[in-house]
Amino acid sequence: MRKGTFIGVLILAAVFCLAPLAGAQEKALTKVTVAEAVRGEGWLPVYLAQELGYFKDQGLDVELVTYKDGPLAQMGLFNGDAQFCVIGSEPVLMAFEKGQESKLILTTLISQPYTFVARPGLTKVEDFKGKVVFGGMPGSAPYFFVKTVIKNAGLDPDKDVTFASLEYGAEIAAMAKGDLDGAYVRATRVPQVLEAGELVLVNATDPEQHKKVYGSPRYEAMDVQTTDEFIKEHPETVQAFANAVAKAMVWQAAHSDEEVATAVSPLFPGRNIDAMLIASLRPCLSADGTFSEEGYNSVIDFCVKNGVIKKPIPMSEMVDNSFMEKAKANIN
């Protein structure tokens, strides 16, 4: 056999030998499930990490499972059906106080992009005595937002209004039909609210209005949660998750509203995720995913004041910033 032919045979043999290895590497992705309170743009960098392939780059095969509200998503996490949960802080704190210990490993927002909206004819929250409102599932972050808005208007949210049970996204149509008087609506849906002729009575994207509701312009309460047990047993998986989200945060800051909207839209079928929506969300986005003491303490103060938890929970017991800090250092 000539030398050139022999080398060619060796190359082909090497290719055939390496092909199964490549397939094995593809199969080596670690499967993790993320329980979603809802599929909401408030957790934008998590969804960008999925769509941009950053989770796979970190060796993770991520499945997103929507549970429709925070307390239900937490059940999936604590039952072992999910390894991570995208959720608001309030139900996490409630569960912690009851002995279901977990950690918040990153936050996606530095403030709440919430609004309280009224049907035509109602121009102030003080007029809501005897009315029907929507705030999501009891125990959820939107629920406590609406309760606080009602309370700040001098009404008793437990006696003076009736909370309706609806699917998220159905509130604008329900108000248009007259079945609902007021509701929590994400700030990113304000254009739809105005188009329907409804009124925005409280807009938490305004720092002053945010402070009236939450006591601070910062309120880091849209987060990713995992259990203490999972952190102890699989720290490398938690770090990989954090690395992917940190990279997505850098990407979202460096790209236009239109580019961000285009990238994340496939995960929101049937919804108009456009540049205007991303622009309205940007002031609330976290730059690096770490919790500040001010942002965490405002969450605690709000939750104690509203009876979500009985007493403050130290940040050291609830938050683990180490994964995002390490991720940020690696990116830089």
C-alpha atoms as a PDB file:
ATOM      1  CA  MET A   1       0.000   0.000   0.000  1.00  0.00           C
ATOM      2  CA  ARG A   2       1.373   3.385  -0.977  1.00  0.00           C
ATOM      3  CA  LYS A   3       2.186   5.885   1.786  1.00  0.00           C
ATOM      4  CA  GLY A   4      -0.504   8.389   0.688  1.00  0.00           C
ATOM      5  CA  THR A   5      -3.180   5.715   0.582  1.00  0.00           C
ATOM      6  CA  PHE A   6      -2.155   4.456   4.024  1.00  0.00           C
ATOM      7  CA  ILE A   7      -2.429   7.961   5.528  1.00  0.00           C
ATOM      8  CA  GLY A   8      -5.845   8.387   3.939  1.00  0.00           C
ATOM      9  CA  VAL A   9      -7.040   5.160   5.529  1.00  0.00           C
ATOM     10  CA  LEU A  10      -5.778   6.319   8.910  1.00  0.00           C
ATOM     11  CA  ILE A  11      -7.649   9.622   8.575  1.00  0.00           C
ATOM     12  CA  LEU A  12     -10.888   7.851   7.657  1.00  0.00           C
ATOM     13  CA  ALA A  13     -10.469   5.486  10.572  1.00  0.00           C
ATOM     14  CA  ALA A  14      -9.939   8.393  12.913  1.00  0.00           C
ATOM     15  CA  VAL A  15     -13.079  10.121  11.622  1.00  0.00           C
ATOM     16  CA  PHE A  16     -15.192   7.000  12.175  1.00  0.00           C
ATOM     17  CA  CYS A  17     -13.750   6.538  15.648  1.00  0.00           C
ATOM     18  CA  LEU A  18     -14.351  10.154  16.666  1.00  0.00           C
ATOM     19  CA  ALA A  19     -17.919  10.286  15.328  1.00  0.00           C
ATOM     20  CA  PRO A  20     -19.370   8.170  18.172  1.00  0.00           C
ATOM     21  CA  LEU A  21     -17.435  10.318  20.639  1.00  0.00           C
ATOM     22  CA  ALA A  22     -19.025  13.458  19.213  1.00  0.00           C
ATOM     23  CA  GLY A  23     -22.433  11.849  19.602  1.00  0.00           C
ATOM     24  CA  ALA A  24     -21.585  10.872  23.176  1.00  0.00           C
ATOM     25  CA  GLN A  25     -20.606  14.454  23.957  1.00  0.00           C
ATOM     26  CA  GLU A  26     -23.939  15.649  22.602  1.00  0.00           C
ATOM     27  CA  LYS A  27     -25.732  13.150  24.845  1.00  0.00           C
ATOM     28  CA  ALA A  28     -23.651  14.254  27.832  1.00  0.00           C
ATOM     29  CA  LEU A  29     -25.771  17.382  28.337  1.00  0.00           C
ATOM     30  CA  THR A  30     -27.183  17.522  31.856  1.00  0.00           C
ATOM     31  CA  LYS A  31     -30.972  17.599  31.766  1.00  0.00           C
ATOM     32  CA  VAL A  32     -32.558  20.189  34.066  1.00  0.00           C
ATOM     33  CA  THR A  33     -36.146  21.351  34.362  1.00  0.00           C
ATOM     34  CA  VAL A  34     -37.073  24.944  35.122  1.00  0.00           C
ATOM     35  CA  ALA A  35     -40.484  25.460  36.719  1.00  0.00           C
ATOM     36  CA  GLU A  36     -42.000  28.765  35.612  1.00  0.00           C
ATOM     37  CA  ALA A  37     -44.462  30.704  37.724  1.00  0.00           C
ATOM     38  CA  VAL A  38     -45.670  32.060  34.382  1.00  0.00           C
ATOM     39  CA  ARG A  39     -44.045  32.547  30.989  1.00  0.00           C
ATOM     40  CA  GLY A  40     -43.244  36.216  31.557  1.00  0.00           C
ATOM     41  CA  GLU A  41     -40.734  38.625  30.050  1.00  0.00           C
ATOM     42  CA  GLY A  42     -39.693  39.628  33.577  1.00  0.00           C
ATOM     43  CA  TRP A  43     -37.281  36.678  33.459  1.00  0.00           C
ATOM     44  CA  LEU A  44     -35.975  37.797  30.063  1.00  0.00           C
ATOM     45  CA  PRO A  45     -32.314  36.737  30.422  1.00  0.00           C
ATOM     46  CA  VAL A  46     -33.311  33.178  31.343  1.00  0.00           C
ATOM     47  CA  TYR A  47     -35.265  32.914  28.101  1.00  0.00           C
ATOM     48  CA  LEU A  48     -32.468  34.553  26.125  1.00  0.00           C
ATOM     49  CA  ALA A  49     -30.013  32.026  27.542  1.00  0.00           C
ATOM     50  CA  GLN A  50     -32.299  29.292  26.233  1.00  0.00           C
ATOM     51  CA  GLU A  51     -32.836  30.769  22.774  1.00  0.00           C
ATOM     52  CA  LEU A  52     -29.229  31.878  22.223  1.00  0.00           C
ATOM     53  CA  GLY A  53     -27.908  28.432  23.108  1.00  0.00           C
ATOM     54  CA  TYR A  54     -26.000  29.563  26.192  1.00  0.00           C
ATOM     55  CA  PHE A  55     -27.418  26.789  28.379  1.00  0.00           C
ATOM     56  CA  LYS A  56     -26.227  24.169  25.885  1.00  0.00           C
ATOM     57  CA  ASP A  57     -22.833  25.886  25.733  1.00  0.00           C
ATOM     58  CA  GLN A  58     -22.664  25.277  29.489  1.00  0.00           C
ATOM     59  CA  GLY A  59     -23.583  21.608  29.086  1.00  0.00           C
ATOM     60  CA  LEU A  60     -27.240  21.929  30.091  1.00  0.00           C
ATOM     61  CA  ASP A  61     -30.349  20.637  28.356  1.00  0.00           C
ATOM     62  CA  VAL A  62     -33.019  22.933  29.801  1.00  0.00           C
ATOM     63  CA  GLU A  63     -36.737  22.223  29.709  1.00  0.00           C
ATOM     64  CA  LEU A  64     -39.150  25.016  30.667  1.00  0.00           C
ATOM     65  CA  VAL A  65     -42.396  23.920  32.332  1.00  0.00           C
ATOM     66  CA  THR A  66     -45.101  26.509  33.055  1.00  0.00           C
ATOM     67  CA  TYR A  67     -47.172  26.062  36.235  1.00  0.00           C
ATOM     68  CA  LYS A  68     -49.257  29.272  35.850  1.00  0.00           C
ATOM     69  CA  ASP A  69     -48.343  30.774  39.242  1.00  0.00           C
ATOM     70  CA  GLY A  70     -45.603  30.984  41.850  1.00  0.00           C
ATOM     71  CA  PRO A  71     -46.905  28.677  44.594  1.00  0.00           C
ATOM     72  CA  LEU A  72     -47.669  25.958  42.045  1.00  0.00           C
ATOM     73  CA  ALA A  73     -44.219  26.251  40.439  1.00  0.00           C
ATOM     74  CA  GLN A  74     -42.647  25.900  43.872  1.00  0.00           C
ATOM     75  CA  MET A  75     -44.486  22.619  44.368  1.00  0.00           C
ATOM     76  CA  GLY A  76     -42.725  21.343  41.253  1.00  0.00           C
ATOM     77  CA  LEU A  77     -39.364  22.418  42.672  1.00  0.00           C
ATOM     78  CA  PHE A  78     -39.827  20.953  46.150  1.00  0.00           C
ATOM     79  CA  ASN A  79     -41.367  17.750  44.775  1.00  0.00           C
ATOM     80  CA  GLY A  80     -38.211  17.193  42.731  1.00  0.00           C
ATOM     81  CA  ASP A  81     -39.928  17.625  39.369  1.00  0.00           C
ATOM     82  CA  ALA A  82     -37.766  20.692  38.677  1.00  0.00           C
ATOM     83  CA  GLN A  83     -34.267  21.777  39.650  1.00  0.00           C
ATOM     84  CA  PHE A  84     -34.777  25.525  39.243  1.00  0.00           C
ATOM     85  CA  CYS A  85     -37.757  27.835  39.540  1.00  0.00           C
ATOM     86  CA  VAL A  86     -38.312  31.277  37.990  1.00  0.00           C
ATOM     87  CA  ILE A  87     -40.540  33.046  40.467  1.00  0.00           C
ATOM     88  CA  GLY A  88     -41.274  36.146  42.528  1.00  0.00           C
ATOM     89  CA  SER A  89     -39.645  36.482  45.955  1.00  0.00           C
ATOM     90  CA  GLU A  90     -42.848  36.598  47.979  1.00  0.00           C
ATOM     91  CA  PRO A  91     -43.852  32.919  47.685  1.00  0.00           C
ATOM     92  CA  VAL A  92     -40.209  31.921  48.195  1.00  0.00           C
ATOM     93  CA  LEU A  93     -40.108  33.786  51.504  1.00  0.00           C
ATOM     94  CA  MET A  94     -43.442  32.331  52.587  1.00  0.00           C
ATOM     95  CA  ALA A  95     -42.209  28.805  51.904  1.00  0.00           C
ATOM     96  CA  PHE A  96     -38.896  29.480  53.684  1.00  0.00           C
ATOM     97  CA  GLU A  97     -40.717  30.595  56.820  1.00  0.00           C
ATOM     98  CA  LYS A  98     -42.653  27.321  56.747  1.00  0.00           C
ATOM     99  CA  GLY A  99     -39.452  25.288  56.638  1.00  0.00           C
ATOM    100  CA  GLN A 100     -39.052  24.765  52.885  1.00  0.00           C
ATOM    101  CA  GLU A 101     -35.557  26.148  52.654  1.00  0.00           C
ATOM    102  CA  SER A 102     -34.104  27.264  49.341  1.00  0.00           C
ATOM    103  CA  LYS A 103     -31.823  29.894  47.888  1.00  0.00           C
ATOM    104  CA  LEU A 104     -32.332  32.725  45.432  1.00  0.00           C
ATOM    105  CA  ILE A 105     -29.285  32.467  43.166  1.00  0.00           C
ATOM    106  CA  LEU A 106     -29.994  35.400  40.850  1.00  0.00           C
ATOM    107  CA  THR A 107     -32.425  38.225  40.201  1.00  0.00           C
ATOM    108  CA  THR A 108     -33.490  39.346  36.736  1.00  0.00           C
ATOM    109  CA  LEU A 109     -35.057  42.703  37.660  1.00  0.00           C
ATOM    110  CA  ILE A 110     -34.156  45.532  40.029  1.00  0.00           C
ATOM    111  CA  SER A 111     -37.752  46.794  40.285  1.00  0.00           C
ATOM    112  CA  GLN A 112     -41.280  45.600  39.557  1.00  0.00           C
ATOM    113  CA  PRO A 113     -42.746  46.347  36.097  1.00  0.00           C
ATOM    114  CA  TYR A 114     -46.302  46.238  37.452  1.00  0.00           C
ATOM    115  CA  THR A 115     -49.328  48.437  36.859  1.00  0.00           C
ATOM    116  CA  PHE A 116     -52.800  48.590  38.344  1.00  0.00           C
ATOM    117  CA  VAL A 117     -55.404  49.245  35.679  1.00  0.00           C
ATOM    118  CA  ALA A 118     -59.081  50.238  35.855  1.00  0.00           C
ATOM    119  CA  ARG A 119     -61.951  49.813  33.441  1.00  0.00           C
ATOM    120  CA  PRO A 120     -63.398  52.991  31.885  1.00  0.00           C
ATOM    121  CA  GLY A 121     -65.375  55.022  34.405  1.00  0.00           C
ATOM    122  CA  LEU A 122     -63.107  54.358  37.376  1.00  0.00           C
ATOM    123  CA  THR A 123     -60.484  57.072  37.732  1.00  0.00           C
ATOM    124  CA  LYS A 124     -58.981  56.475  41.179  1.00  0.00           C
ATOM    125  CA  VAL A 125     -58.282  53.515  43.448  1.00  0.00           C
ATOM    126  CA  GLU A 126     -60.356  55.090  46.236  1.00  0.00           C
ATOM    127  CA  ASP A 127     -63.446  54.277  44.130  1.00  0.00           C
ATOM    128  CA  PHE A 128     -62.875  50.536  44.325  1.00  0.00           C
ATOM    129  CA  LYS A 129     -64.911  49.734  47.415  1.00  0.00           C
ATOM    130  CA  GLY A 130     -67.267  46.903  46.491  1.00  0.00           C
ATOM    131  CA  LYS A 131     -65.448  46.271  43.198  1.00  0.00           C
ATOM    132  CA  VAL A 132     -63.919  43.153  41.670  1.00  0.00           C
ATOM    133  CA  VAL A 133     -60.159  43.062  41.081  1.00  0.00           C
ATOM    134  CA  PHE A 134     -57.587  40.620  39.738  1.00  0.00           C
ATOM    135  CA  GLY A 135     -54.146  40.022  41.263  1.00  0.00           C
ATOM    136  CA  GLY A 136     -53.202  36.513  40.273  1.00  0.00           C
ATOM    137  CA  MET A 137     -53.154  33.590  42.665  1.00  0.00           C
ATOM    138  CA  PRO A 138     -53.227  34.316  46.423  1.00  0.00           C
ATOM    139  CA  GLY A 139     -49.630  34.330  47.654  1.00  0.00           C
ATOM    140  CA  SER A 140     -48.194  35.496  44.330  1.00  0.00           C
ATOM    141  CA  ALA A 141     -46.203  38.706  43.781  1.00  0.00           C
ATOM    142  CA  PRO A 142     -48.965  40.395  41.705  1.00  0.00           C
ATOM    143  CA  TYR A 143     -51.515  39.532  44.400  1.00  0.00           C
ATOM    144  CA  PHE A 144     -49.584  41.422  47.071  1.00  0.00           C
ATOM    145  CA  PHE A 145     -48.992  44.314  44.682  1.00  0.00           C
ATOM    146  CA  VAL A 146     -52.760  44.744  44.210  1.00  0.00           C
ATOM    147  CA  LYS A 147     -53.439  44.355  47.929  1.00  0.00           C
ATOM    148  CA  THR A 148     -50.928  47.112  48.676  1.00  0.00           C
ATOM    149  CA  VAL A 149     -52.383  49.426  46.025  1.00  0.00           C
ATOM    150  CA  ILE A 150     -55.842  48.933  47.539  1.00  0.00           C
ATOM    151  CA  LYS A 151     -54.542  49.437  51.076  1.00  0.00           C
ATOM    152  CA  ASN A 152     -52.654  52.617  50.107  1.00  0.00           C
ATOM    153  CA  ALA A 153     -55.965  54.046  48.913  1.00  0.00           C
ATOM    154  CA  GLY A 154     -57.434  53.688  52.418  1.00  0.00           C
ATOM    155  CA  LEU A 155     -59.423  50.518  51.703  1.00  0.00           C
ATOM    156  CA  ASP A 156     -59.242  47.091  53.285  1.00  0.00           C
ATOM    157  CA  PRO A 157     -58.184  44.613  50.554  1.00  0.00           C
ATOM    158  CA  ASP A 158     -59.576  41.712  52.577  1.00  0.00           C
ATOM    159  CA  LYS A 159     -63.050  43.255  53.006  1.00  0.00           C
ATOM    160  CA  ASP A 160     -63.642  46.093  50.565  1.00  0.00           C
ATOM    161  CA  VAL A 161     -62.867  44.315  47.278  1.00  0.00           C
ATOM    162  CA  THR A 162     -63.420  40.866  45.789  1.00  0.00           C
ATOM    163  CA  PHE A 163     -60.507  39.097  44.141  1.00  0.00           C
ATOM    164  CA  ALA A 164     -61.406  37.336  40.892  1.00  0.00           C
ATOM    165  CA  SER A 165     -59.884  34.079  39.666  1.00  0.00           C
ATOM    166  CA  LEU A 166     -58.658  34.442  36.083  1.00  0.00           C
ATOM    167  CA  GLU A 167     -55.886  33.279  33.798  1.00  0.00           C
ATOM    168  CA  TYR A 168     -53.048  35.767  33.360  1.00  0.00           C
ATOM    169  CA  GLY A 169     -53.631  37.623  30.113  1.00  0.00           C
ATOM    170  CA  ALA A 170     -57.426  37.523  30.348  1.00  0.00           C
ATOM    171  CA  GLU A 171     -57.760  40.615  32.543  1.00  0.00           C
ATOM    172  CA  ILE A 172     -57.888  43.281  29.812  1.00  0.00           C
ATOM    173  CA  ALA A 173     -60.703  41.527  27.955  1.00  0.00           C
ATOM    174  CA  ALA A 174     -62.560  40.907  31.228  1.00  0.00           C
ATOM    175  CA  MET A 175     -62.485  44.624  32.029  1.00  0.00           C
ATOM    176  CA  ALA A 176     -63.664  45.479  28.541  1.00  0.00           C
ATOM    177  CA  LYS A 177     -66.671  43.190  29.070  1.00  0.00           C
ATOM    178  CA  GLY A 178     -67.436  44.735  32.454  1.00  0.00           C
ATOM    179  CA  ASP A 179     -66.744  41.486  34.313  1.00  0.00           C
ATOM    180  CA  LEU A 180     -63.785  43.017  36.130  1.00  0.00           C
ATOM    181  CA  ASP A 181     -63.221  46.487  37.573  1.00  0.00           C
ATOM    182  CA  GLY A 182     -59.457  46.579  38.054  1.00  0.00           C
ATOM    183  CA  ALA A 183     -56.409  44.405  37.679  1.00  0.00           C
ATOM    184  CA  TYR A 184     -52.690  43.916  37.895  1.00  0.00           C
ATOM    185  CA  VAL A 185     -51.259  44.156  34.385  1.00  0.00           C
ATOM    186  CA  ARG A 186     -47.615  43.935  33.392  1.00  0.00           C
ATOM    187  CA  ALA A 187     -46.256  47.323  32.332  1.00  0.00           C
ATOM    188  CA  THR A 188     -45.190  45.831  29.027  1.00  0.00           C
ATOM    189  CA  ARG A 189     -48.894  45.430  28.141  1.00  0.00           C
ATOM    190  CA  VAL A 190     -49.782  49.085  28.753  1.00  0.00           C
ATOM    191  CA  PRO A 191     -50.206  49.781  24.991  1.00  0.00           C
ATOM    192  CA  GLN A 192     -52.970  47.137  24.939  1.00  0.00           C
ATOM    193  CA  VAL A 193     -54.535  48.718  28.025  1.00  0.00           C
ATOM    194  CA  LEU A 194     -54.661  52.143  26.414  1.00  0.00           C
ATOM    195  CA  GLU A 195     -55.990  50.708  23.166  1.00  0.00           C
ATOM    196  CA  ALA A 196     -58.857  49.148  25.115  1.00  0.00           C
ATOM    197  CA  GLY A 197     -59.704  52.533  26.648  1.00  0.00           C
ATOM    198  CA  GLU A 198     -58.744  51.446  30.146  1.00  0.00           C
ATOM    199  CA  LEU A 199     -56.820  53.602  32.627  1.00  0.00           C
ATOM    200  CA  VAL A 200     -53.474  53.028  34.315  1.00  0.00           C
ATOM    201  CA  LEU A 201     -53.968  54.191  37.909  1.00  0.00           C
ATOM    202  CA  VAL A 202     -50.644  52.987  39.342  1.00  0.00           C
ATOM    203  CA  ASN A 203     -47.489  52.463  37.273  1.00  0.00           C
ATOM    204  CA  ALA A 204     -44.608  51.008  39.268  1.00  0.00           C
ATOM    205  CA  THR A 205     -42.103  51.615  36.465  1.00  0.00           C
ATOM    206  CA  ASP A 206     -42.159  55.228  37.656  1.00  0.00           C
ATOM    207  CA  PRO A 207     -39.630  55.355  40.549  1.00  0.00           C
ATOM    208  CA  GLU A 208     -41.837  57.593  42.731  1.00  0.00           C
ATOM    209  CA  GLN A 209     -44.910  55.407  42.299  1.00  0.00           C
ATOM    210  CA  HIS A 210     -42.756  52.315  42.820  1.00  0.00           C
ATOM    211  CA  LYS A 211     -41.522  53.781  46.101  1.00  0.00           C
ATOM    212  CA  LYS A 212     -45.099  54.419  47.276  1.00  0.00           C
ATOM    213  CA  VAL A 213     -45.947  50.762  46.804  1.00  0.00           C
ATOM    214  CA  TYR A 214     -42.692  49.066  47.800  1.00  0.00           C
ATOM    215  CA  GLY A 215     -40.958  51.657  49.988  1.00  0.00           C
ATOM    216  CA  SER A 216     -37.947  51.890  47.675  1.00  0.00           C
ATOM    217  CA  PRO A 217     -37.153  52.425  43.984  1.00  0.00           C
ATOM    218  CA  ARG A 218     -35.433  49.021  44.115  1.00  0.00           C
ATOM    219  CA  TYR A 219     -37.269  45.754  44.676  1.00  0.00           C
ATOM    220  CA  GLU A 220     -35.353  42.713  43.471  1.00  0.00           C
ATOM    221  CA  ALA A 221     -38.137  40.188  43.372  1.00  0.00           C
ATOM    222  CA  MET A 222     -38.130  38.326  40.057  1.00  0.00           C
ATOM    223  CA  ASP A 223     -35.634  35.625  40.647  1.00  0.00           C
ATOM    224  CA  VAL A 224     -34.308  32.137  40.061  1.00  0.00           C
ATOM    225  CA  GLN A 225     -34.660  29.748  42.983  1.00  0.00           C
ATOM    226  CA  THR A 226     -33.182  26.358  43.723  1.00  0.00           C
ATOM    227  CA  THR A 227     -33.060  24.177  46.816  1.00  0.00           C
ATOM    228  CA  ASP A 228     -30.209  24.071  49.331  1.00  0.00           C
ATOM    229  CA  GLU A 229     -29.969  20.346  48.715  1.00  0.00           C
ATOM    230  CA  PHE A 230     -29.487  20.800  44.958  1.00  0.00           C
ATOM    231  CA  ILE A 231     -26.771  23.421  45.526  1.00  0.00           C
ATOM    232  CA  LYS A 232     -24.955  21.044  47.870  1.00  0.00           C
ATOM    233  CA  GLU A 233     -25.218  18.036  45.559  1.00  0.00           C
ATOM    234  CA  HIS A 234     -24.825  19.751  42.168  1.00  0.00           C
ATOM    235  CA  PRO A 235     -22.906  23.036  42.551  1.00  0.00           C
ATOM    236  CA  GLU A 236     -21.415  22.659  39.065  1.00  0.00           C
ATOM    237  CA  THR A 237     -24.896  22.568  37.517  1.00  0.00           C
ATOM    238  CA  VAL A 238     -25.979  25.666  39.439  1.00  0.00           C
ATOM    239  CA  GLN A 239     -22.807  27.450  38.308  1.00  0.00           C
ATOM    240  CA  ALA A 240     -23.417  26.424  34.696  1.00  0.00           C
ATOM    241  CA  PHE A 241     -26.960  27.824  34.902  1.00  0.00           C
ATOM    242  CA  ALA A 242     -25.659  31.094  36.363  1.00  0.00           C
ATOM    243  CA  ASN A 243     -22.936  31.343  33.704  1.00  0.00           C
ATOM    244  CA  ALA A 244     -25.492  31.055  30.913  1.00  0.00           C
ATOM    245  CA  VAL A 245     -27.821  33.683  32.374  1.00  0.00           C
ATOM    246  CA  ALA A 246     -24.925  36.061  33.078  1.00  0.00           C
ATOM    247  CA  LYS A 247     -23.822  35.785  29.452  1.00  0.00           C
ATOM    248  CA  ALA A 248     -27.409  36.473  28.331  1.00  0.00           C
ATOM    249  CA  MET A 249     -27.481  39.621  30.510  1.00  0.00           C
ATOM    250  CA  VAL A 250     -24.352  40.896  28.778  1.00  0.00           C
ATOM    251  CA  TRP A 251     -25.911  40.110  25.393  1.00  0.00           C
ATOM    252  CA  GLN A 252     -29.204  41.865  26.176  1.00  0.00           C
ATOM    253  CA  ALA A 253     -27.343  45.013  27.268  1.00  0.00           C
ATOM    254  CA  ALA A 254     -25.283  45.086  24.070  1.00  0.00           C
ATOM    255  CA  HIS A 255     -28.125  44.577  21.593  1.00  0.00           C
ATOM    256  CA  SER A 256     -31.033  46.688  20.436  1.00  0.00           C
ATOM    257  CA  ASP A 257     -34.614  46.343  21.660  1.00  0.00           C
ATOM    258  CA  GLU A 258     -35.576  44.910  18.284  1.00  0.00           C
ATOM    259  CA  GLU A 259     -32.768  42.330  18.350  1.00  0.00           C
ATOM    260  CA  VAL A 260     -33.690  41.245  21.870  1.00  0.00           C
ATOM    261  CA  ALA A 261     -37.369  40.958  20.932  1.00  0.00           C
ATOM    262  CA  THR A 262     -36.544  38.889  17.847  1.00  0.00           C
ATOM    263  CA  ALA A 263     -34.291  36.551  19.823  1.00  0.00           C
ATOM    264  CA  VAL A 264     -36.800  35.773  22.584  1.00  0.00           C
ATOM    265  CA  SER A 265     -40.056  35.773  20.571  1.00  0.00           C
ATOM    266  CA  PRO A 266     -40.064  32.036  19.726  1.00  0.00           C
ATOM    267  CA  LEU A 267     -40.699  31.270  23.410  1.00  0.00           C
ATOM    268  CA  PHE A 268     -43.806  33.482  23.417  1.00  0.00           C
ATOM    269  CA  PRO A 269     -46.056  32.082  20.660  1.00  0.00           C
ATOM    270  CA  GLY A 270     -49.200  34.108  20.142  1.00  0.00           C
ATOM    271  CA  ARG A 271     -47.784  37.140  21.953  1.00  0.00           C
ATOM    272  CA  ASN A 272     -46.419  40.275  20.364  1.00  0.00           C
ATOM    273  CA  ILE A 273     -42.932  40.582  21.836  1.00  0.00           C
ATOM    274  CA  ASP A 274     -41.666  43.693  20.076  1.00  0.00           C
ATOM    275  CA  ALA A 275     -39.096  46.449  20.512  1.00  0.00           C
ATOM    276  CA  MET A 276     -41.598  48.665  22.371  1.00  0.00           C
ATOM    277  CA  LEU A 277     -42.144  45.945  24.971  1.00  0.00           C
ATOM    278  CA  ILE A 278     -38.404  45.467  25.509  1.00  0.00           C
ATOM    279  CA  ALA A 279     -37.879  49.229  25.756  1.00  0.00           C
ATOM    280  CA  SER A 280     -40.512  49.469  28.499  1.00  0.00           C
ATOM    281  CA  LEU A 281     -38.811  46.648  30.389  1.00  0.00           C
ATOM    282  CA  ARG A 282     -35.204  47.866  30.146  1.00  0.00           C
ATOM    283  CA  PRO A 283     -35.274  50.287  33.119  1.00  0.00           C
ATOM    284  CA  CYS A 284     -36.202  47.363  35.359  1.00  0.00           C
ATOM    285  CA  LEU A 285     -33.598  44.869  34.124  1.00  0.00           C
ATOM    286  CA  SER A 286     -30.751  43.758  36.366  1.00  0.00           C
ATOM    287  CA  ALA A 287     -27.301  44.322  34.871  1.00  0.00           C
ATOM    288  CA  ASP A 288     -25.547  41.412  36.579  1.00  0.00           C
ATOM    289  CA  GLY A 289     -28.127  39.306  38.422  1.00  0.00           C
ATOM    290  CA  THR A 290     -26.772  39.923  41.920  1.00  0.00           C
ATOM    291  CA  PHE A 291     -28.919  41.073  44.832  1.00  0.00           C
ATOM    292  CA  SER A 292     -28.172  44.384  46.539  1.00  0.00           C
ATOM    293  CA  GLU A 293     -28.860  44.872  50.236  1.00  0.00           C
ATOM    294  CA  GLU A 294     -31.240  47.741  49.457  1.00  0.00           C
ATOM    295  CA  GLY A 295     -33.205  45.693  46.928  1.00  0.00           C
ATOM    296  CA  TYR A 296     -33.407  42.641  49.175  1.00  0.00           C
ATOM    297  CA  ASN A 297     -34.310  44.651  52.276  1.00  0.00           C
ATOM    298  CA  SER A 298     -37.129  46.442  50.457  1.00  0.00           C
ATOM    299  CA  VAL A 299     -38.595  43.034  49.584  1.00  0.00           C
ATOM    300  CA  ILE A 300     -38.324  41.939  53.219  1.00  0.00           C
ATOM    301  CA  ASP A 301     -39.825  45.172  54.571  1.00  0.00           C
ATOM    302  CA  PHE A 302     -42.721  44.970  52.099  1.00  0.00           C
ATOM    303  CA  CYS A 303     -43.427  41.340  52.958  1.00  0.00           C
ATOM    304  CA  VAL A 304     -43.347  41.875  56.731  1.00  0.00           C
ATOM    305  CA  LYS A 305     -45.544  44.963  56.434  1.00  0.00           C
ATOM    306  CA  ASN A 306     -48.115  43.067  54.378  1.00  0.00           C
ATOM    307  CA  GLY A 307     -48.101  39.925  56.498  1.00  0.00           C
ATOM    308  CA  VAL A 308     -46.454  37.773  53.831  1.00  0.00           C
ATOM    309  CA  ILE A 309     -43.896  36.703  56.457  1.00  0.00           C
ATOM    310  CA  LYS A 310     -43.942  37.249  60.214  1.00  0.00           C
ATOM    311  CA  LYS A 311     -40.391  38.510  60.692  1.00  0.00           C
ATOM    312  CA  PRO A 312     -37.367  39.464  58.576  1.00  0.00           C
ATOM    313  CA  ILE A 313     -35.231  36.727  57.070  1.00  0.00           C
ATOM    314  CA  PRO A 314     -31.515  37.621  56.875  1.00  0.00           C
ATOM    315  CA  MET A 315     -30.162  37.993  53.352  1.00  0.00           C
ATOM    316  CA  SER A 316     -27.425  35.454  54.140  1.00  0.00           C
ATOM    317  CA  GLU A 317     -30.060  32.760  54.720  1.00  0.00           C
ATOM    318  CA  MET A 318     -32.092  33.513  51.601  1.00  0.00           C
ATOM    319  CA  VAL A 319     -29.644  34.680  48.924  1.00  0.00           C
ATOM    320  CA  ASP A 320     -26.525  33.130  47.423  1.00  0.00           C
ATOM    321  CA  ASN A 321     -24.823  35.715  45.196  1.00  0.00           C
ATOM    322  CA  SER A 322     -21.684  33.608  44.779  1.00  0.00           C
ATOM    323  CA  PHE A 323     -22.732  31.910  41.542  1.00  0.00           C
ATOM    324  CA  MET A 324     -23.492  35.140  39.687  1.00  0.00           C
ATOM    325  CA  GLU A 325     -20.411  36.831  41.094  1.00  0.00           C
ATOM    326  CA  LYS A 326     -18.251  33.983  39.804  1.00  0.00           C
ATOM    327  CA  ALA A 327     -20.082  34.023  36.458  1.00  0.00           C
ATOM    328  CA  LYS A 328     -19.522  37.779  36.114  1.00  0.00           C
ATOM    329  CA  ALA A 329     -15.821  37.407  36.921  1.00  0.00           C
ATOM    330  CA  ASN A 330     -15.437  34.693  34.288  1.00  0.00           C
ATOM    331  CA  ILE A 331     -17.137  36.798  31.609  1.00  0.00           C
ATOM    332  CA  ASN A 332     -15.005  39.831  32.385  1.00  0.00           C
END
